[in-house]
């Protein structure tokens, strides 16, 4: 019998880049604009006092600096940090990108890599803001 891939093994998370970007998405209360505080080619983290439930799929509009139009993406909430719950990260939600076409993936990867090369390297114990 041929070996089949084990889908229960989590894939390694893409390296995150700490950078603030405006994002918009639809929630129960309507269209919301917040700030993503980190980004990778595979997802982002949005600061919000009202995170959506885990596994919620949302349409995102991400504004990349230098782009003429926001990038429209679909994402799924993978993790949340609620207000008042002790956590090293601010209240919000992590989203993984879903069904990203090659053009959008390329634009995001190019943006992340360009920023990574422009920002000074982290010093031990320091964080990028």
C-alpha atoms as a PDB file:
ATOM      1  CA  UNK A   1       0.000   0.000   0.000  1.00  0.00           C
ATOM      2  CA  UNK A   2       1.353   3.448  -0.881  1.00  0.00           C
ATOM      3  CA  UNK A   3       2.238   5.824   1.888  1.00  0.00           C
ATOM      4  CA  UNK A   4      -0.244   8.668   2.242  1.00  0.00           C
ATOM      5  CA  UNK A   5       0.668  12.001   3.777  1.00  0.00           C
ATOM      6  CA  UNK A   6      -0.282  12.444   7.434  1.00  0.00           C
ATOM      7  CA  UNK A   7      -2.476  15.551   7.477  1.00  0.00           C
ATOM      8  CA  UNK A   8      -2.554  15.600  11.281  1.00  0.00           C
ATOM      9  CA  UNK A   9       1.005  16.914  11.438  1.00  0.00           C
ATOM     10  CA  UNK A  10       0.870  20.716  11.691  1.00  0.00           C
ATOM     11  CA  UNK A  11       2.809  22.606   9.035  1.00  0.00           C
ATOM     12  CA  UNK A  12       5.533  24.941  10.298  1.00  0.00           C
ATOM     13  CA  UNK A  13       4.347  28.516  10.614  1.00  0.00           C
ATOM     14  CA  UNK A  14       5.897  30.995   8.180  1.00  0.00           C
ATOM     15  CA  UNK A  15       8.197  33.546   9.838  1.00  0.00           C
ATOM     16  CA  UNK A  16       6.257  36.601  10.978  1.00  0.00           C
ATOM     17  CA  UNK A  17       7.268  40.171  10.305  1.00  0.00           C
ATOM     18  CA  UNK A  18       6.191  42.752  12.882  1.00  0.00           C
ATOM     19  CA  UNK A  19       4.627  45.557  10.851  1.00  0.00           C
ATOM     20  CA  UNK A  20       1.357  47.486  11.100  1.00  0.00           C
ATOM     21  CA  UNK A  21      -1.015  47.385   8.140  1.00  0.00           C
ATOM     22  CA  UNK A  22      -4.618  48.573   7.869  1.00  0.00           C
ATOM     23  CA  UNK A  23      -7.076  45.741   7.225  1.00  0.00           C
ATOM     24  CA  UNK A  24     -10.830  45.625   6.770  1.00  0.00           C
ATOM     25  CA  UNK A  25     -13.159  42.653   7.191  1.00  0.00           C
ATOM     26  CA  UNK A  26     -16.815  41.849   7.766  1.00  0.00           C
ATOM     27  CA  UNK A  27     -17.956  40.882  11.241  1.00  0.00           C
ATOM     28  CA  UNK A  28     -21.332  40.348  12.876  1.00  0.00           C
ATOM     29  CA  UNK A  29     -21.582  44.092  13.548  1.00  0.00           C
ATOM     30  CA  UNK A  30     -20.726  45.092   9.959  1.00  0.00           C
ATOM     31  CA  UNK A  31     -17.567  46.063   8.126  1.00  0.00           C
ATOM     32  CA  UNK A  32     -14.652  46.649  10.536  1.00  0.00           C
ATOM     33  CA  UNK A  33     -11.308  48.376  10.034  1.00  0.00           C
ATOM     34  CA  UNK A  34      -8.454  47.346  12.350  1.00  0.00           C
ATOM     35  CA  UNK A  35      -4.676  47.023  12.280  1.00  0.00           C
ATOM     36  CA  UNK A  36      -2.739  43.898  11.462  1.00  0.00           C
ATOM     37  CA  UNK A  37       0.397  43.973  13.608  1.00  0.00           C
ATOM     38  CA  UNK A  38       2.320  41.170  11.994  1.00  0.00           C
ATOM     39  CA  UNK A  39       2.315  39.519   8.629  1.00  0.00           C
ATOM     40  CA  UNK A  40       3.758  36.511   6.882  1.00  0.00           C
ATOM     41  CA  UNK A  41       3.192  34.940   3.507  1.00  0.00           C
ATOM     42  CA  UNK A  42       0.699  32.616   5.197  1.00  0.00           C
ATOM     43  CA  UNK A  43      -1.338  34.903   7.440  1.00  0.00           C
ATOM     44  CA  UNK A  44      -1.542  37.851   9.811  1.00  0.00           C
ATOM     45  CA  UNK A  45      -2.521  38.894  13.328  1.00  0.00           C
ATOM     46  CA  UNK A  46      -5.182  41.593  13.810  1.00  0.00           C
ATOM     47  CA  UNK A  47      -5.405  43.699  16.962  1.00  0.00           C
ATOM     48  CA  UNK A  48      -9.052  43.815  17.986  1.00  0.00           C
ATOM     49  CA  UNK A  49     -11.057  43.868  21.205  1.00  0.00           C
ATOM     50  CA  UNK A  50     -13.729  41.745  19.490  1.00  0.00           C
ATOM     51  CA  UNK A  51     -12.027  38.751  17.860  1.00  0.00           C
ATOM     52  CA  UNK A  52     -14.192  36.482  15.740  1.00  0.00           C
ATOM     53  CA  UNK A  53     -14.608  32.834  16.782  1.00  0.00           C
ATOM     54  CA  UNK A  54     -11.933  30.322  15.800  1.00  0.00           C
ATOM     55  CA  UNK A  55     -12.631  28.737  12.372  1.00  0.00           C
ATOM     56  CA  UNK A  56     -14.602  31.774  11.156  1.00  0.00           C
ATOM     57  CA  UNK A  57     -13.826  32.440   7.487  1.00  0.00           C
ATOM     58  CA  UNK A  58     -13.666  36.118   6.529  1.00  0.00           C
ATOM     59  CA  UNK A  59     -12.972  38.227   3.473  1.00  0.00           C
ATOM     60  CA  UNK A  60     -10.083  40.599   4.142  1.00  0.00           C
ATOM     61  CA  UNK A  61      -8.951  43.767   2.427  1.00  0.00           C
ATOM     62  CA  UNK A  62      -5.260  44.306   3.199  1.00  0.00           C
ATOM     63  CA  UNK A  63      -3.615  47.577   2.212  1.00  0.00           C
ATOM     64  CA  UNK A  64       0.026  47.002   1.269  1.00  0.00           C
ATOM     65  CA  UNK A  65       2.119  50.187   1.142  1.00  0.00           C
ATOM     66  CA  UNK A  66       2.880  51.200  -2.423  1.00  0.00           C
ATOM     67  CA  UNK A  67      -0.055  49.242  -3.848  1.00  0.00           C
ATOM     68  CA  UNK A  68      -2.697  51.130  -5.807  1.00  0.00           C
ATOM     69  CA  UNK A  69      -5.530  48.973  -4.440  1.00  0.00           C
ATOM     70  CA  UNK A  70      -6.043  46.799  -1.345  1.00  0.00           C
ATOM     71  CA  UNK A  71      -5.397  43.082  -1.764  1.00  0.00           C
ATOM     72  CA  UNK A  72      -8.564  41.038  -1.286  1.00  0.00           C
ATOM     73  CA  UNK A  73      -7.949  37.770   0.558  1.00  0.00           C
ATOM     74  CA  UNK A  74      -9.904  35.066   2.309  1.00  0.00           C
ATOM     75  CA  UNK A  75      -8.740  34.036   5.765  1.00  0.00           C
ATOM     76  CA  UNK A  76      -9.689  31.696   8.589  1.00  0.00           C
ATOM     77  CA  UNK A  77      -9.382  32.587  12.272  1.00  0.00           C
ATOM     78  CA  UNK A  78      -6.947  30.108  13.811  1.00  0.00           C
ATOM     79  CA  UNK A  79      -6.403  31.586  17.278  1.00  0.00           C
ATOM     80  CA  UNK A  80      -7.766  34.393  19.449  1.00  0.00           C
ATOM     81  CA  UNK A  81      -6.635  36.367  22.484  1.00  0.00           C
ATOM     82  CA  UNK A  82      -9.569  37.816  24.392  1.00  0.00           C
ATOM     83  CA  UNK A  83      -9.535  41.105  26.284  1.00  0.00           C
ATOM     84  CA  UNK A  84      -8.569  40.603  29.923  1.00  0.00           C
ATOM     85  CA  UNK A  85      -6.956  37.202  29.407  1.00  0.00           C
ATOM     86  CA  UNK A  86      -3.266  37.224  30.356  1.00  0.00           C
ATOM     87  CA  UNK A  87      -1.213  36.792  27.193  1.00  0.00           C
ATOM     88  CA  UNK A  88       2.105  38.053  25.819  1.00  0.00           C
ATOM     89  CA  UNK A  89       0.176  39.240  22.745  1.00  0.00           C
ATOM     90  CA  UNK A  90      -2.439  41.994  22.579  1.00  0.00           C
ATOM     91  CA  UNK A  91      -6.131  41.104  22.238  1.00  0.00           C
ATOM     92  CA  UNK A  92      -6.937  40.005  18.718  1.00  0.00           C
ATOM     93  CA  UNK A  93      -7.003  37.127  16.289  1.00  0.00           C
ATOM     94  CA  UNK A  94      -4.614  35.212  14.073  1.00  0.00           C
ATOM     95  CA  UNK A  95      -5.776  34.409  10.550  1.00  0.00           C
ATOM     96  CA  UNK A  96      -4.340  32.056   7.981  1.00  0.00           C
ATOM     97  CA  UNK A  97      -4.823  32.943   4.324  1.00  0.00           C
ATOM     98  CA  UNK A  98      -7.013  30.573   2.298  1.00  0.00           C
ATOM     99  CA  UNK A  99      -7.178  30.026  -1.458  1.00  0.00           C
ATOM    100  CA  UNK A 100      -4.559  32.648  -2.294  1.00  0.00           C
ATOM    101  CA  UNK A 101      -3.859  32.803  -6.024  1.00  0.00           C
ATOM    102  CA  UNK A 102      -0.285  32.978  -7.314  1.00  0.00           C
ATOM    103  CA  UNK A 103      -0.427  36.733  -8.049  1.00  0.00           C
ATOM    104  CA  UNK A 104      -1.582  37.677  -4.550  1.00  0.00           C
ATOM    105  CA  UNK A 105       0.791  35.228  -2.881  1.00  0.00           C
ATOM    106  CA  UNK A 106       3.669  36.667  -4.907  1.00  0.00           C
ATOM    107  CA  UNK A 107       2.728  40.253  -3.979  1.00  0.00           C
ATOM    108  CA  UNK A 108       2.543  39.390  -0.271  1.00  0.00           C
ATOM    109  CA  UNK A 109       5.818  37.436  -0.332  1.00  0.00           C
ATOM    110  CA  UNK A 110       7.602  40.265  -2.192  1.00  0.00           C
ATOM    111  CA  UNK A 111       6.294  42.828   0.305  1.00  0.00           C
ATOM    112  CA  UNK A 112       7.328  40.738   3.334  1.00  0.00           C
ATOM    113  CA  UNK A 113      10.791  40.039   1.901  1.00  0.00           C
ATOM    114  CA  UNK A 114      11.314  43.697   0.932  1.00  0.00           C
ATOM    115  CA  UNK A 115      10.432  44.826   4.465  1.00  0.00           C
ATOM    116  CA  UNK A 116      12.587  42.112   6.003  1.00  0.00           C
ATOM    117  CA  UNK A 117      15.589  43.379   4.013  1.00  0.00           C
ATOM    118  CA  UNK A 118      14.874  47.075   4.782  1.00  0.00           C
ATOM    119  CA  UNK A 119      14.324  46.755   8.528  1.00  0.00           C
ATOM    120  CA  UNK A 120      17.365  46.471  10.799  1.00  0.00           C
ATOM    121  CA  UNK A 121      17.988  42.977  12.157  1.00  0.00           C
ATOM    122  CA  UNK A 122      16.640  42.237  15.616  1.00  0.00           C
ATOM    123  CA  UNK A 123      19.068  42.546  18.465  1.00  0.00           C
ATOM    124  CA  UNK A 124      18.905  39.853  21.146  1.00  0.00           C
ATOM    125  CA  UNK A 125      16.028  40.646  23.502  1.00  0.00           C
ATOM    126  CA  UNK A 126      14.647  43.461  21.311  1.00  0.00           C
ATOM    127  CA  UNK A 127      11.323  43.520  19.467  1.00  0.00           C
ATOM    128  CA  UNK A 128      10.398  45.366  16.293  1.00  0.00           C
ATOM    129  CA  UNK A 129       7.585  47.889  16.546  1.00  0.00           C
END
